[in-house]
Amino acid sequence: MKKLPPLIKIAVVDDHQLFRVGVVALLSDYNDMEVVLEASNGKDLLTQLKKTTPHLVLLDIEMPEMNGIETTLALKKEYPDIKIIILTMHNEEEFIFDLMNKGANGFLPKDKSVETVVDAIYSVMQKGYYYNDQITQAIIKGNSGHLKAPELFNKAASLTEREIEIIKLICEQKTNREIGELLFISARTVDNHKTNIFTKIGSKTTIGIVMFAMQAKLIS
């Protein structure tokens, strides 16, 4: 897994000030995390990002001026290295699938405990994504009609044996270095393979690879 930075810099984006204050207070108990930015909507966040760049954003969905979905798309375009965890009261599976497909790294209902939120932060920072049973079911059901069978077959058939090996190891949450050690190749070579995989399956994120692997039944 990827090594954590000494201090995880976090942005909290929500139009309810009391919620932001509560999150900041709860995370203050963790010495390896710091909320470096608070914003009331996506537009406010993008303005502040010109001065401060966090590692991760805890992002609400329903906000004025620029909502969480629009903000997710903007972040993935302008700041692709920033991780995103969605915090919301919505928990419909179609909604979760759509957000993960747009590039969110994790999803949590707002009523989850601070321990669960912290676990999700660590997971996203180390692995690139956070899954729980609810997210997994949403991805499986969402993927059931996402690609038509011929398109799915053609994409899967275009993958080499080595690329399929790498996809399976990515789904096991292995880093490029760990994959390289297991396959006796360099981390740079792994990265080149991942670039080819992204091109072949039409994805831009690690989550996209996992979603494709589920649908193509490359993993159980």
Foldseek 3Di string as FASTA:
>chain_A
DADFDQAAEEEEEALDPVLVVVLQVLCVVPPRYHHPYYYDALVRVVVCVVPDDGQEYAAEADGPPHGPQNSLLVCCVPPVRRAYEYEYQDQDLLVLQVSVQSPHQYYDYNPDDVVVVVVQVVCCRQQVHDDDPSNVVSLLVNLQPPDDPVLLVQLVVPQDPVLLLLLVVSLVSDQLCRSCVVVVHHSVVSVVSVVVNCVSQVHDGSSSSNSSCSNSVSDD
